[in-house]
């Protein structure tokens, strides 16, 4: 596989709809009920509708869960970034500094965005 092919596939995987389709294919095109249950929870919906918090979480994900790099790239004080991450943790119980919780929130964001645009 060439470098260009790897870059092409990497960019396709970054596309949220591609990730969701891969997930749905592995689950038989059915989204697990637990994701819908989590997404429909009042506190999770509040977070999903808070564009500032979601943008912060997405930036954190884009920078490999690295607080120092994220705060530098989005021109935000480190403590403000930590505060927002803690706000998400307190609201929905997901500590996105932990990889598994970050994946869960990322999945919920993808699902929310796909459902919102349908």
PDB file of N, CA and C in Angstrom:
ATOM      1  N   UNK A   1       0.854  -1.170   0.000  1.00  0.00           N
ATOM      2  CA  UNK A   1       0.000   0.000   0.000  1.00  0.00           C
ATOM      3  C   UNK A   1       0.901   1.234   0.000  1.00  0.00           C
ATOM      4  N   UNK A   2       0.581   2.189  -0.866  1.00  0.00           N
ATOM      5  CA  UNK A   2       1.390   3.393  -0.979  1.00  0.00           C
ATOM      6  C   UNK A   2       1.012   4.405   0.102  1.00  0.00           C
ATOM      7  N   UNK A   3       1.873   5.373   0.282  1.00  0.00           N
ATOM      8  CA  UNK A   3       1.621   6.437   1.257  1.00  0.00           C
ATOM      9  C   UNK A   3       0.347   7.199   0.901  1.00  0.00           C
ATOM     10  N   UNK A   4       0.139   7.440  -0.397  1.00  0.00           N
ATOM     11  CA  UNK A   4      -1.076   8.150  -0.832  1.00  0.00           C
ATOM     12  C   UNK A   4      -2.334   7.363  -0.504  1.00  0.00           C
ATOM     13  N   UNK A   5      -2.278   6.040  -0.682  1.00  0.00           N
ATOM     14  CA  UNK A   5      -3.435   5.203  -0.361  1.00  0.00           C
ATOM     15  C   UNK A   5      -3.725   5.224   1.134  1.00  0.00           C
ATOM     16  N   UNK A   6      -2.675   5.151   1.938  1.00  0.00           N
ATOM     17  CA  UNK A   6      -2.839   5.193   3.393  1.00  0.00           C
ATOM     18  C   UNK A   6      -3.457   6.518   3.807  1.00  0.00           C
ATOM     19  N   UNK A   7      -2.957   7.615   3.246  1.00  0.00           N
ATOM     20  CA  UNK A   7      -3.487   8.941   3.565  1.00  0.00           C
ATOM     21  C   UNK A   7      -4.959   9.034   3.149  1.00  0.00           C
ATOM     22  N   UNK A   8      -5.296   8.482   1.977  1.00  0.00           N
ATOM     23  CA  UNK A   8      -6.689   8.503   1.500  1.00  0.00           C
ATOM     24  C   UNK A   8      -7.595   7.767   2.486  1.00  0.00           C
ATOM     25  N   UNK A   9      -7.204   6.570   2.897  1.00  0.00           N
ATOM     26  CA  UNK A   9      -8.039   5.802   3.826  1.00  0.00           C
ATOM     27  C   UNK A   9      -8.112   6.464   5.194  1.00  0.00           C
ATOM     28  N   UNK A  10      -7.005   7.046   5.619  1.00  0.00           N
ATOM     29  CA  UNK A  10      -6.995   7.735   6.904  1.00  0.00           C
ATOM     30  C   UNK A  10      -7.988   8.905   6.878  1.00  0.00           C
ATOM     31  N   UNK A  11      -7.996   9.661   5.795  1.00  0.00           N
ATOM     32  CA  UNK A  11      -8.925  10.790   5.666  1.00  0.00           C
ATOM     33  C   UNK A  11     -10.368  10.309   5.589  1.00  0.00           C
ATOM     34  N   UNK A  12     -10.612   9.199   4.913  1.00  0.00           N
ATOM     35  CA  UNK A  12     -11.963   8.651   4.843  1.00  0.00           C
ATOM     36  C   UNK A  12     -12.439   8.208   6.224  1.00  0.00           C
ATOM     37  N   UNK A  13     -11.554   7.629   7.013  1.00  0.00           N
ATOM     38  CA  UNK A  13     -11.937   7.181   8.346  1.00  0.00           C
ATOM     39  C   UNK A  13     -12.214   8.345   9.278  1.00  0.00           C
ATOM     40  N   UNK A  14     -11.598   9.498   9.005  1.00  0.00           N
ATOM     41  CA  UNK A  14     -11.871  10.671   9.829  1.00  0.00           C
ATOM     42  C   UNK A  14     -13.262  11.230   9.550  1.00  0.00           C
ATOM     43  N   UNK A  15     -13.833  10.879   8.409  1.00  0.00           N
ATOM     44  CA  UNK A  15     -15.186  11.305   8.070  1.00  0.00           C
ATOM     45  C   UNK A  15     -16.152  10.559   8.983  1.00  0.00           C
ATOM     46  N   UNK A  16     -16.914  11.292   9.759  1.00  0.00           N
ATOM     47  CA  UNK A  16     -17.800  10.687  10.750  1.00  0.00           C
ATOM     48  C   UNK A  16     -18.776   9.680  10.174  1.00  0.00           C
ATOM     49  N   UNK A  17     -19.315   9.962   8.998  1.00  0.00           N
ATOM     50  CA  UNK A  17     -20.288   9.034   8.432  1.00  0.00           C
ATOM     51  C   UNK A  17     -19.630   7.712   8.077  1.00  0.00           C
ATOM     52  N   UNK A  18     -18.370   7.765   7.660  1.00  0.00           N
ATOM     53  CA  UNK A  18     -17.640   6.531   7.361  1.00  0.00           C
ATOM     54  C   UNK A  18     -17.469   5.697   8.626  1.00  0.00           C
ATOM     55  N   UNK A  19     -17.101   6.334   9.712  1.00  0.00           N
ATOM     56  CA  UNK A  19     -16.923   5.630  10.986  1.00  0.00           C
ATOM     57  C   UNK A  19     -18.241   5.019  11.435  1.00  0.00           C
ATOM     58  N   UNK A  20     -19.317   5.793  11.338  1.00  0.00           N
ATOM     59  CA  UNK A  20     -20.627   5.283  11.742  1.00  0.00           C
ATOM     60  C   UNK A  20     -21.031   4.092  10.873  1.00  0.00           C
ATOM     61  N   UNK A  21     -20.782   4.178   9.564  1.00  0.00           N
ATOM     62  CA  UNK A  21     -21.122   3.065   8.677  1.00  0.00           C
ATOM     63  C   UNK A  21     -20.327   1.814   9.015  1.00  0.00           C
ATOM     64  N   UNK A  22     -19.054   1.968   9.322  1.00  0.00           N
ATOM     65  CA  UNK A  22     -18.240   0.818   9.716  1.00  0.00           C
ATOM     66  C   UNK A  22     -18.801   0.201  10.990  1.00  0.00           C
ATOM     67  N   UNK A  23     -19.130   1.047  11.960  1.00  0.00           N
ATOM     68  CA  UNK A  23     -19.691   0.555  13.213  1.00  0.00           C
ATOM     69  C   UNK A  23     -21.006  -0.175  12.966  1.00  0.00           C
ATOM     70  N   UNK A  24     -21.860   0.407  12.152  1.00  0.00           N
ATOM     71  CA  UNK A  24     -23.163  -0.199  11.890  1.00  0.00           C
ATOM     72  C   UNK A  24     -23.008  -1.512  11.131  1.00  0.00           C
ATOM     73  N   UNK A  25     -22.052  -1.568  10.202  1.00  0.00           N
ATOM     74  CA  UNK A  25     -21.815  -2.812   9.470  1.00  0.00           C
ATOM     75  C   UNK A  25     -21.392  -3.926  10.405  1.00  0.00           C
ATOM     76  N   UNK A  26     -20.531  -3.610  11.357  1.00  0.00           N
ATOM     77  CA  UNK A  26     -20.066  -4.649  12.277  1.00  0.00           C
ATOM     78  C   UNK A  26     -21.165  -5.059  13.257  1.00  0.00           C
ATOM     79  N   UNK A  27     -22.172  -4.205  13.418  1.00  0.00           N
ATOM     80  CA  UNK A  27     -23.265  -4.520  14.330  1.00  0.00           C
ATOM     81  C   UNK A  27     -24.526  -4.935  13.568  1.00  0.00           C
ATOM     82  N   UNK A  28     -24.385  -5.230  12.287  1.00  0.00           N
ATOM     83  CA  UNK A  28     -25.545  -5.647  11.512  1.00  0.00           C
ATOM     84  C   UNK A  28     -26.493  -4.504  11.201  1.00  0.00           C
ATOM     85  N   UNK A  29     -25.982  -3.304  11.011  1.00  0.00           N
ATOM     86  CA  UNK A  29     -26.752  -2.107  10.663  1.00  0.00           C
ATOM     87  C   UNK A  29     -27.681  -1.640  11.765  1.00  0.00           C
ATOM     88  N   UNK A  30     -27.577  -2.214  12.931  1.00  0.00           N
ATOM     89  CA  UNK A  30     -28.404  -1.784  14.059  1.00  0.00           C
ATOM     90  C   UNK A  30     -27.516  -1.095  15.084  1.00  0.00           C
ATOM     91  N   UNK A  31     -27.922   0.070  15.478  1.00  0.00           N
ATOM     92  CA  UNK A  31     -27.192   0.772  16.526  1.00  0.00           C
ATOM     93  C   UNK A  31     -27.618   0.183  17.862  1.00  0.00           C
ATOM     94  N   UNK A  32     -26.666  -0.129  18.729  1.00  0.00           N
ATOM     95  CA  UNK A  32     -27.040  -0.723  20.024  1.00  0.00           C
ATOM     96  C   UNK A  32     -28.001   0.173  20.807  1.00  0.00           C
ATOM     97  N   UNK A  33     -28.975  -0.453  21.432  1.00  0.00           N
ATOM     98  CA  UNK A  33     -29.958   0.286  22.222  1.00  0.00           C
ATOM     99  C   UNK A  33     -29.307   1.120  23.312  1.00  0.00           C
ATOM    100  N   UNK A  34     -28.182   0.635  23.842  1.00  0.00           N
ATOM    101  CA  UNK A  34     -27.525   1.384  24.921  1.00  0.00           C
ATOM    102  C   UNK A  34     -27.067   2.756  24.439  1.00  0.00           C
ATOM    103  N   UNK A  35     -26.649   2.872  23.165  1.00  0.00           N
ATOM    104  CA  UNK A  35     -26.248   4.184  22.644  1.00  0.00           C
ATOM    105  C   UNK A  35     -27.444   5.111  22.531  1.00  0.00           C
ATOM    106  N   UNK A  36     -28.562   4.592  22.038  1.00  0.00           N
ATOM    107  CA  UNK A  36     -29.771   5.411  21.960  1.00  0.00           C
ATOM    108  C   UNK A  36     -30.239   5.822  23.355  1.00  0.00           C
ATOM    109  N   UNK A  37     -30.131   4.902  24.308  1.00  0.00           N
ATOM    110  CA  UNK A  37     -30.524   5.216  25.685  1.00  0.00           C
ATOM    111  C   UNK A  37     -29.650   6.316  26.252  1.00  0.00           C
ATOM    112  N   UNK A  38     -28.343   6.188  26.038  1.00  0.00           N
ATOM    113  CA  UNK A  38     -27.424   7.222  26.543  1.00  0.00           C
ATOM    114  C   UNK A  38     -27.712   8.557  25.875  1.00  0.00           C
ATOM    115  N   UNK A  39     -27.918   8.512  24.559  1.00  0.00           N
ATOM    116  CA  UNK A  39     -28.127   9.744  23.810  1.00  0.00           C
ATOM    117  C   UNK A  39     -29.424  10.435  24.209  1.00  0.00           C
ATOM    118  N   UNK A  40     -30.421   9.660  24.580  1.00  0.00           N
ATOM    119  CA  UNK A  40     -31.706  10.264  24.928  1.00  0.00           C
ATOM    120  C   UNK A  40     -31.757  10.786  26.369  1.00  0.00           C
ATOM    121  N   UNK A  41     -30.750  10.478  27.162  1.00  0.00           N
ATOM    122  CA  UNK A  41     -30.721  10.982  28.534  1.00  0.00           C
ATOM    123  C   UNK A  41     -30.655  12.510  28.520  1.00  0.00           C
ATOM    124  N   UNK A  42     -31.389  13.117  29.423  1.00  0.00           N
ATOM    125  CA  UNK A  42     -31.520  14.584  29.457  1.00  0.00           C
ATOM    126  C   UNK A  42     -30.162  15.283  29.567  1.00  0.00           C
ATOM    127  N   UNK A  43     -29.309  14.794  30.462  1.00  0.00           N
ATOM    128  CA  UNK A  43     -28.015  15.456  30.648  1.00  0.00           C
ATOM    129  C   UNK A  43     -27.099  15.277  29.438  1.00  0.00           C
ATOM    130  N   UNK A  44     -27.194  14.145  28.751  1.00  0.00           N
ATOM    131  CA  UNK A  44     -26.380  13.932  27.549  1.00  0.00           C
ATOM    132  C   UNK A  44     -26.854  14.857  26.438  1.00  0.00           C
ATOM    133  N   UNK A  45     -28.161  14.995  26.280  1.00  0.00           N
ATOM    134  CA  UNK A  45     -28.690  15.901  25.255  1.00  0.00           C
ATOM    135  C   UNK A  45     -28.256  17.337  25.522  1.00  0.00           C
ATOM    136  N   UNK A  46     -28.210  17.717  26.779  1.00  0.00           N
ATOM    137  CA  UNK A  46     -27.770  19.077  27.122  1.00  0.00           C
ATOM    138  C   UNK A  46     -26.328  19.300  26.678  1.00  0.00           C
ATOM    139  N   UNK A  47     -25.487  18.298  26.882  1.00  0.00           N
ATOM    140  CA  UNK A  47     -24.087  18.407  26.448  1.00  0.00           C
ATOM    141  C   UNK A  47     -24.014  18.457  24.925  1.00  0.00           C
ATOM    142  N   UNK A  48     -24.772  17.595  24.254  1.00  0.00           N
ATOM    143  CA  UNK A  48     -24.749  17.545  22.787  1.00  0.00           C
ATOM    144  C   UNK A  48     -25.194  18.867  22.168  1.00  0.00           C
ATOM    145  N   UNK A  49     -26.078  19.553  22.840  1.00  0.00           N
ATOM    146  CA  UNK A  49     -26.575  20.822  22.315  1.00  0.00           C
ATOM    147  C   UNK A  49     -25.697  22.007  22.710  1.00  0.00           C
ATOM    148  N   UNK A  50     -24.700  21.763  23.552  1.00  0.00           N
ATOM    149  CA  UNK A  50     -23.761  22.819  23.942  1.00  0.00           C
ATOM    150  C   UNK A  50     -22.594  22.804  22.953  1.00  0.00           C
ATOM    151  N   UNK A  51     -22.711  23.636  21.923  1.00  0.00           N
ATOM    152  CA  UNK A  51     -21.736  23.640  20.835  1.00  0.00           C
ATOM    153  C   UNK A  51     -20.315  23.917  21.321  1.00  0.00           C
ATOM    154  N   UNK A  52     -20.198  24.764  22.334  1.00  0.00           N
ATOM    155  CA  UNK A  52     -18.873  25.110  22.865  1.00  0.00           C
ATOM    156  C   UNK A  52     -18.205  23.896  23.518  1.00  0.00           C
ATOM    157  N   UNK A  53     -18.959  23.148  24.308  1.00  0.00           N
ATOM    158  CA  UNK A  53     -18.403  21.956  24.960  1.00  0.00           C
ATOM    159  C   UNK A  53     -18.057  20.877  23.945  1.00  0.00           C
ATOM    160  N   UNK A  54     -18.925  20.676  22.964  1.00  0.00           N
ATOM    161  CA  UNK A  54     -18.660  19.660  21.947  1.00  0.00           C
ATOM    162  C   UNK A  54     -17.454  20.055  21.103  1.00  0.00           C
ATOM    163  N   UNK A  55     -17.341  21.317  20.749  1.00  0.00           N
ATOM    164  CA  UNK A  55     -16.175  21.781  19.981  1.00  0.00           C
ATOM    165  C   UNK A  55     -14.896  21.565  20.786  1.00  0.00           C
ATOM    166  N   UNK A  56     -14.971  21.807  22.088  1.00  0.00           N
ATOM    167  CA  UNK A  56     -13.814  21.576  22.956  1.00  0.00           C
ATOM    168  C   UNK A  56     -13.454  20.098  22.982  1.00  0.00           C
ATOM    169  N   UNK A  57     -14.454  19.235  23.140  1.00  0.00           N
ATOM    170  CA  UNK A  57     -14.213  17.791  23.158  1.00  0.00           C
ATOM    171  C   UNK A  57     -13.625  17.330  21.830  1.00  0.00           C
ATOM    172  N   UNK A  58     -14.174  17.817  20.723  1.00  0.00           N
ATOM    173  CA  UNK A  58     -13.668  17.437  19.399  1.00  0.00           C
ATOM    174  C   UNK A  58     -12.214  17.873  19.214  1.00  0.00           C
ATOM    175  N   UNK A  59     -11.889  19.072  19.671  1.00  0.00           N
ATOM    176  CA  UNK A  59     -10.499  19.538  19.585  1.00  0.00           C
ATOM    177  C   UNK A  59      -9.583  18.646  20.425  1.00  0.00           C
ATOM    178  N   UNK A  60     -10.059  18.262  21.591  1.00  0.00           N
ATOM    179  CA  UNK A  60      -9.305  17.365  22.471  1.00  0.00           C
ATOM    180  C   UNK A  60      -9.060  16.020  21.784  1.00  0.00           C
ATOM    181  N   UNK A  61     -10.087  15.500  21.109  1.00  0.00           N
ATOM    182  CA  UNK A  61      -9.946  14.244  20.370  1.00  0.00           C
ATOM    183  C   UNK A  61      -8.958  14.411  19.219  1.00  0.00           C
ATOM    184  N   UNK A  62      -9.074  15.525  18.493  1.00  0.00           N
ATOM    185  CA  UNK A  62      -8.204  15.771  17.339  1.00  0.00           C
ATOM    186  C   UNK A  62      -6.731  15.874  17.746  1.00  0.00           C
ATOM    187  N   UNK A  63      -6.496  16.215  18.999  1.00  0.00           N
ATOM    188  CA  UNK A  63      -5.126  16.366  19.494  1.00  0.00           C
ATOM    189  C   UNK A  63      -4.721  15.213  20.408  1.00  0.00           C
ATOM    190  N   UNK A  64      -5.293  14.052  20.140  1.00  0.00           N
ATOM    191  CA  UNK A  64      -4.913  12.802  20.812  1.00  0.00           C
ATOM    192  C   UNK A  64      -5.012  12.857  22.330  1.00  0.00           C
ATOM    193  N   UNK A  65      -6.057  13.511  22.828  1.00  0.00           N
ATOM    194  CA  UNK A  65      -6.332  13.607  24.263  1.00  0.00           C
ATOM    195  C   UNK A  65      -5.193  14.275  25.033  1.00  0.00           C
ATOM    196  N   UNK A  66      -4.503  15.172  24.359  1.00  0.00           N
ATOM    197  CA  UNK A  66      -3.376  15.875  24.969  1.00  0.00           C
ATOM    198  C   UNK A  66      -3.826  17.283  25.363  1.00  0.00           C
ATOM    199  N   UNK A  67      -3.860  17.538  26.656  1.00  0.00           N
ATOM    200  CA  UNK A  67      -4.352  18.827  27.166  1.00  0.00           C
ATOM    201  C   UNK A  67      -3.458  19.985  26.734  1.00  0.00           C
ATOM    202  N   UNK A  68      -2.158  19.829  26.862  1.00  0.00           N
ATOM    203  CA  UNK A  68      -1.234  20.924  26.534  1.00  0.00           C
ATOM    204  C   UNK A  68      -1.337  21.323  25.062  1.00  0.00           C
ATOM    205  N   UNK A  69      -1.320  20.346  24.176  1.00  0.00           N
ATOM    206  CA  UNK A  69      -1.386  20.648  22.738  1.00  0.00           C
ATOM    207  C   UNK A  69      -2.751  21.221  22.375  1.00  0.00           C
ATOM    208  N   UNK A  70      -3.817  20.646  22.931  1.00  0.00           N
ATOM    209  CA  UNK A  70      -5.158  21.140  22.627  1.00  0.00           C
ATOM    210  C   UNK A  70      -5.317  22.591  23.061  1.00  0.00           C
ATOM    211  N   UNK A  71      -4.926  22.892  24.282  1.00  0.00           N
ATOM    212  CA  UNK A  71      -5.092  24.273  24.766  1.00  0.00           C
ATOM    213  C   UNK A  71      -4.286  25.248  23.919  1.00  0.00           C
ATOM    214  N   UNK A  72      -3.122  24.827  23.474  1.00  0.00           N
ATOM    215  CA  UNK A  72      -2.294  25.689  22.623  1.00  0.00           C
ATOM    216  C   UNK A  72      -2.945  25.900  21.256  1.00  0.00           C
ATOM    217  N   UNK A  73      -3.434  24.823  20.663  1.00  0.00           N
ATOM    218  CA  UNK A  73      -3.998  24.923  19.312  1.00  0.00           C
ATOM    219  C   UNK A  73      -5.316  25.679  19.258  1.00  0.00           C
ATOM    220  N   UNK A  74      -6.108  25.609  20.307  1.00  0.00           N
ATOM    221  CA  UNK A  74      -7.396  26.324  20.270  1.00  0.00           C
ATOM    222  C   UNK A  74      -7.336  27.641  21.062  1.00  0.00           C
ATOM    223  N   UNK A  75      -6.107  28.014  21.443  1.00  0.00           N
ATOM    224  CA  UNK A  75      -5.889  29.285  22.132  1.00  0.00           C
ATOM    225  C   UNK A  75      -6.755  29.421  23.370  1.00  0.00           C
ATOM    226  N   UNK A  76      -6.689  28.387  24.203  1.00  0.00           N
ATOM    227  CA  UNK A  76      -7.477  28.351  25.428  1.00  0.00           C
ATOM    228  C   UNK A  76      -6.533  28.058  26.590  1.00  0.00           C
ATOM    229  N   UNK A  77      -6.748  28.752  27.701  1.00  0.00           N
ATOM    230  CA  UNK A  77      -5.930  28.466  28.876  1.00  0.00           C
ATOM    231  C   UNK A  77      -6.127  27.014  29.290  1.00  0.00           C
ATOM    232  N   UNK A  78      -5.060  26.391  29.698  1.00  0.00           N
ATOM    233  CA  UNK A  78      -5.088  24.988  30.094  1.00  0.00           C
ATOM    234  C   UNK A  78      -6.164  24.713  31.153  1.00  0.00           C
ATOM    235  N   UNK A  79      -6.268  25.593  32.136  1.00  0.00           N
ATOM    236  CA  UNK A  79      -7.252  25.403  33.203  1.00  0.00           C
ATOM    237  C   UNK A  79      -8.692  25.478  32.685  1.00  0.00           C
ATOM    238  N   UNK A  80      -8.919  26.329  31.682  1.00  0.00           N
ATOM    239  CA  UNK A  80     -10.251  26.419  31.073  1.00  0.00           C
ATOM    240  C   UNK A  80     -10.591  25.112  30.371  1.00  0.00           C
ATOM    241  N   UNK A  81      -9.616  24.562  29.658  1.00  0.00           N
ATOM    242  CA  UNK A  81      -9.820  23.279  28.987  1.00  0.00           C
ATOM    243  C   UNK A  81     -10.120  22.178  29.999  1.00  0.00           C
ATOM    244  N   UNK A  82      -9.349  22.121  31.059  1.00  0.00           N
ATOM    245  CA  UNK A  82      -9.573  21.114  32.107  1.00  0.00           C
ATOM    246  C   UNK A  82     -10.952  21.310  32.724  1.00  0.00           C
ATOM    247  N   UNK A  83     -11.347  22.546  32.957  1.00  0.00           N
ATOM    248  CA  UNK A  83     -12.674  22.835  33.512  1.00  0.00           C
ATOM    249  C   UNK A  83     -13.777  22.289  32.608  1.00  0.00           C
ATOM    250  N   UNK A  84     -13.637  22.514  31.302  1.00  0.00           N
ATOM    251  CA  UNK A  84     -14.666  22.032  30.366  1.00  0.00           C
ATOM    252  C   UNK A  84     -14.706  20.504  30.317  1.00  0.00           C
ATOM    253  N   UNK A  85     -13.543  19.881  30.364  1.00  0.00           N
ATOM    254  CA  UNK A  85     -13.486  18.413  30.377  1.00  0.00           C
ATOM    255  C   UNK A  85     -14.157  17.886  31.643  1.00  0.00           C
ATOM    256  N   UNK A  86     -13.897  18.541  32.757  1.00  0.00           N
ATOM    257  CA  UNK A  86     -14.536  18.149  34.025  1.00  0.00           C
ATOM    258  C   UNK A  86     -16.046  18.385  33.991  1.00  0.00           C
ATOM    259  N   UNK A  87     -16.463  19.447  33.325  1.00  0.00           N
ATOM    260  CA  UNK A  87     -17.894  19.740  33.197  1.00  0.00           C
ATOM    261  C   UNK A  87     -18.600  18.609  32.455  1.00  0.00           C
ATOM    262  N   UNK A  88     -17.981  18.110  31.399  1.00  0.00           N
ATOM    263  CA  UNK A  88     -18.537  16.967  30.663  1.00  0.00           C
ATOM    264  C   UNK A  88     -18.585  15.749  31.579  1.00  0.00           C
ATOM    265  N   UNK A  89     -17.504  15.526  32.311  1.00  0.00           N
ATOM    266  CA  UNK A  89     -17.421  14.368  33.210  1.00  0.00           C
ATOM    267  C   UNK A  89     -18.519  14.413  34.268  1.00  0.00           C
ATOM    268  N   UNK A  90     -18.708  15.566  34.890  1.00  0.00           N
ATOM    269  CA  UNK A  90     -19.735  15.692  35.920  1.00  0.00           C
ATOM    270  C   UNK A  90     -21.140  15.556  35.350  1.00  0.00           C
ATOM    271  N   UNK A  91     -21.353  16.056  34.146  1.00  0.00           N
ATOM    272  CA  UNK A  91     -22.700  16.036  33.562  1.00  0.00           C
ATOM    273  C   UNK A  91     -23.120  14.649  33.090  1.00  0.00           C
ATOM    274  N   UNK A  92     -22.202  13.916  32.453  1.00  0.00           N
ATOM    275  CA  UNK A  92     -22.619  12.641  31.862  1.00  0.00           C
ATOM    276  C   UNK A  92     -21.805  11.441  32.339  1.00  0.00           C
ATOM    277  N   UNK A  93     -20.841  11.674  33.216  1.00  0.00           N
ATOM    278  CA  UNK A  93     -20.099  10.557  33.787  1.00  0.00           C
ATOM    279  C   UNK A  93     -19.022   9.982  32.895  1.00  0.00           C
ATOM    280  N   UNK A  94     -18.683  10.665  31.806  1.00  0.00           N
ATOM    281  CA  UNK A  94     -17.612  10.197  30.931  1.00  0.00           C
ATOM    282  C   UNK A  94     -16.386  11.081  31.121  1.00  0.00           C
ATOM    283  N   UNK A  95     -15.294  10.473  31.563  1.00  0.00           N
ATOM    284  CA  UNK A  95     -14.036  11.199  31.702  1.00  0.00           C
ATOM    285  C   UNK A  95     -13.277  11.035  30.388  1.00  0.00           C
ATOM    286  N   UNK A  96     -13.358  12.046  29.524  1.00  0.00           N
ATOM    287  CA  UNK A  96     -12.795  11.904  28.184  1.00  0.00           C
ATOM    288  C   UNK A  96     -11.266  11.932  28.163  1.00  0.00           C
ATOM    289  N   UNK A  97     -10.640  12.041  29.330  1.00  0.00           N
ATOM    290  CA  UNK A  97      -9.186  11.848  29.391  1.00  0.00           C
ATOM    291  C   UNK A  97      -8.850  10.361  29.332  1.00  0.00           C
ATOM    292  N   UNK A  98      -9.863   9.546  29.605  1.00  0.00           N
ATOM    293  CA  UNK A  98      -9.732   8.098  29.506  1.00  0.00           C
ATOM    294  C   UNK A  98     -10.139   7.684  28.092  1.00  0.00           C
ATOM    295  N   UNK A  99      -9.314   6.889  27.425  1.00  0.00           N
ATOM    296  CA  UNK A  99      -9.543   6.536  26.027  1.00  0.00           C
ATOM    297  C   UNK A  99     -10.918   5.909  25.795  1.00  0.00           C
ATOM    298  N   UNK A 100     -11.298   4.962  26.634  1.00  0.00           N
ATOM    299  CA  UNK A 100     -12.594   4.288  26.449  1.00  0.00           C
ATOM    300  C   UNK A 100     -13.760   5.267  26.549  1.00  0.00           C
ATOM    301  N   UNK A 101     -13.693   6.174  27.512  1.00  0.00           N
ATOM    302  CA  UNK A 101     -14.753   7.176  27.644  1.00  0.00           C
ATOM    303  C   UNK A 101     -14.726   8.159  26.473  1.00  0.00           C
ATOM    304  N   UNK A 102     -13.531   8.479  25.991  1.00  0.00           N
ATOM    305  CA  UNK A 102     -13.418   9.367  24.830  1.00  0.00           C
ATOM    306  C   UNK A 102     -14.071   8.726  23.609  1.00  0.00           C
ATOM    307  N   UNK A 103     -13.832   7.438  23.418  1.00  0.00           N
ATOM    308  CA  UNK A 103     -14.451   6.722  22.295  1.00  0.00           C
ATOM    309  C   UNK A 103     -15.970   6.706  22.441  1.00  0.00           C
ATOM    310  N   UNK A 104     -16.447   6.506  23.651  1.00  0.00           N
ATOM    311  CA  UNK A 104     -17.894   6.502  23.884  1.00  0.00           C
ATOM    312  C   UNK A 104     -18.501   7.853  23.529  1.00  0.00           C
ATOM    313  N   UNK A 105     -17.878   8.940  24.000  1.00  0.00           N
ATOM    314  CA  UNK A 105     -18.422  10.262  23.688  1.00  0.00           C
ATOM    315  C   UNK A 105     -18.322  10.546  22.197  1.00  0.00           C
ATOM    316  N   UNK A 106     -17.212  10.195  21.576  1.00  0.00           N
ATOM    317  CA  UNK A 106     -17.055  10.417  20.136  1.00  0.00           C
ATOM    318  C   UNK A 106     -18.151   9.675  19.375  1.00  0.00           C
ATOM    319  N   UNK A 107     -18.435   8.449  19.780  1.00  0.00           N
ATOM    320  CA  UNK A 107     -19.496   7.664  19.144  1.00  0.00           C
ATOM    321  C   UNK A 107     -20.848   8.344  19.324  1.00  0.00           C
ATOM    322  N   UNK A 108     -21.110   8.835  20.521  1.00  0.00           N
ATOM    323  CA  UNK A 108     -22.369   9.540  20.776  1.00  0.00           C
ATOM    324  C   UNK A 108     -22.477  10.810  19.934  1.00  0.00           C
ATOM    325  N   UNK A 109     -21.380  11.525  19.778  1.00  0.00           N
ATOM    326  CA  UNK A 109     -21.385  12.743  18.962  1.00  0.00           C
ATOM    327  C   UNK A 109     -21.698  12.392  17.509  1.00  0.00           C
ATOM    328  N   UNK A 110     -21.050  11.352  17.001  1.00  0.00           N
ATOM    329  CA  UNK A 110     -21.287  10.922  15.618  1.00  0.00           C
ATOM    330  C   UNK A 110     -22.747  10.520  15.444  1.00  0.00           C
ATOM    331  N   UNK A 111     -23.257   9.732  16.363  1.00  0.00           N
ATOM    332  CA  UNK A 111     -24.647   9.282  16.287  1.00  0.00           C
ATOM    333  C   UNK A 111     -25.605  10.469  16.353  1.00  0.00           C
ATOM    334  N   UNK A 112     -25.368  11.371  17.303  1.00  0.00           N
ATOM    335  CA  UNK A 112     -26.206  12.561  17.458  1.00  0.00           C
ATOM    336  C   UNK A 112     -26.212  13.385  16.167  1.00  0.00           C
ATOM    337  N   UNK A 113     -25.030  13.630  15.606  1.00  0.00           N
ATOM    338  CA  UNK A 113     -24.949  14.429  14.384  1.00  0.00           C
ATOM    339  C   UNK A 113     -25.639  13.755  13.204  1.00  0.00           C
ATOM    340  N   UNK A 114     -25.523  12.451  13.104  1.00  0.00           N
ATOM    341  CA  UNK A 114     -26.183  11.733  12.017  1.00  0.00           C
ATOM    342  C   UNK A 114     -27.687  11.722  12.193  1.00  0.00           C
ATOM    343  N   UNK A 115     -28.157  11.569  13.413  1.00  0.00           N
ATOM    344  CA  UNK A 115     -29.604  11.596  13.655  1.00  0.00           C
ATOM    345  C   UNK A 115     -30.176  12.995  13.458  1.00  0.00           C
ATOM    346  N   UNK A 116     -29.398  13.998  13.822  1.00  0.00           N
ATOM    347  CA  UNK A 116     -29.835  15.390  13.711  1.00  0.00           C
ATOM    348  C   UNK A 116     -29.996  15.804  12.239  1.00  0.00           C
ATOM    349  N   UNK A 117     -29.166  15.244  11.375  1.00  0.00           N
ATOM    350  CA  UNK A 117     -29.189  15.631   9.960  1.00  0.00           C
ATOM    351  C   UNK A 117     -30.105  14.763   9.115  1.00  0.00           C
ATOM    352  N   UNK A 118     -30.831  13.857   9.744  1.00  0.00           N
ATOM    353  CA  UNK A 118     -31.758  13.014   8.974  1.00  0.00           C
ATOM    354  C   UNK A 118     -33.147  13.583   9.003  1.00  0.00           C
TER     355      UNK A 118
END
